[in-house]
């Protein structure tokens, strides 16, 4: 076949680019930080002062336990302290008298030393009594569950009359320092480089402008029930908004992967049951080159193997080709 018989086709130069995988996932907006709050001691709940959805400030009282026993213990500790202070004062006066008598020569050193010893024991008794009062006072305070910071109540787990154990969850709180979107995603290799990736977020349940977020956490373990990992996306520049908590959100992820050859999808052919492209050789004839496909994205195909950067393949105009046929570059119409 003469060179004049060369068919005009589109020449495409193979380029190496990073593979960007685009994924759309549906998740839920939650508080960036949440907390399960419980009493430090066991007891019977007598009052719950908040409901789900209430906004609370730091140190607000949220719930109370029956404090009769703790208040009795506090009164007993205070009475013991008062007795110890009175005994301390008597011992101090006795020690002062013994020291004065010894100085005038009418007392003995042994009596003075005994009085000093009694005063030292009285001082120790007062310190122990003060510690007991402090402990009893904290026990009374601990019957009141207080907010550790400004937050929103997301769940109530106790009711008046219920017996609770120490550290048992009584209330769930959402801290008001930011929001994040939580997604469940298959355990894909591309997740290894996903930390820091920007995500476009669209609220599904209510009318809100599109938001942006950043991937901040990927769970290290796969959920055995769902086979997925949890991906957390911090919503940029968004303080906690109670109206958004629990709302469904769509996340558009553009996840970077390994580099590969990028070609227009129009270059793809088949060689038997394998994908292939028409490779333009140095003498401007073509041969069918098998390739390994990595992924399809918008208008292009990413190849894992088969073509090297800089090689030329045929794009548009490949319908009449066969191995060894001459080709030439089609003129590009302005």
Foldseek 3Di string as FASTA:
>chain_A
DDLVPAAAFAKDFWDKDWAWDKDKFKWAKAFPDKDFFDFQFWAFWADADDDAFDWDFFFDFGTFGPCPVLVVQLVVLVVQLVVLVVQLVVLVVQLVVQVVCVVVVNHDPVSNVVSVVSNVVSVVSNVVSVVSNVVSVVVSVSRTTTHRGTWGWHDADDDGGDIDGRPDGGTMTRDFAFMKTKGWAAPDPLVVPQAQFKKWKDFDPDDDDIFIWGWHDWDPDADPVPNTIMIITTTPPDTDDSVRGGTMMMIITTGTDGMFIKDFPQQWDDDVPFIWGWWQDPVQFTDTWGWAWDDDDVRITGTPDGDDGRTITGGPPCPPHDGGRHHDHDDDDD
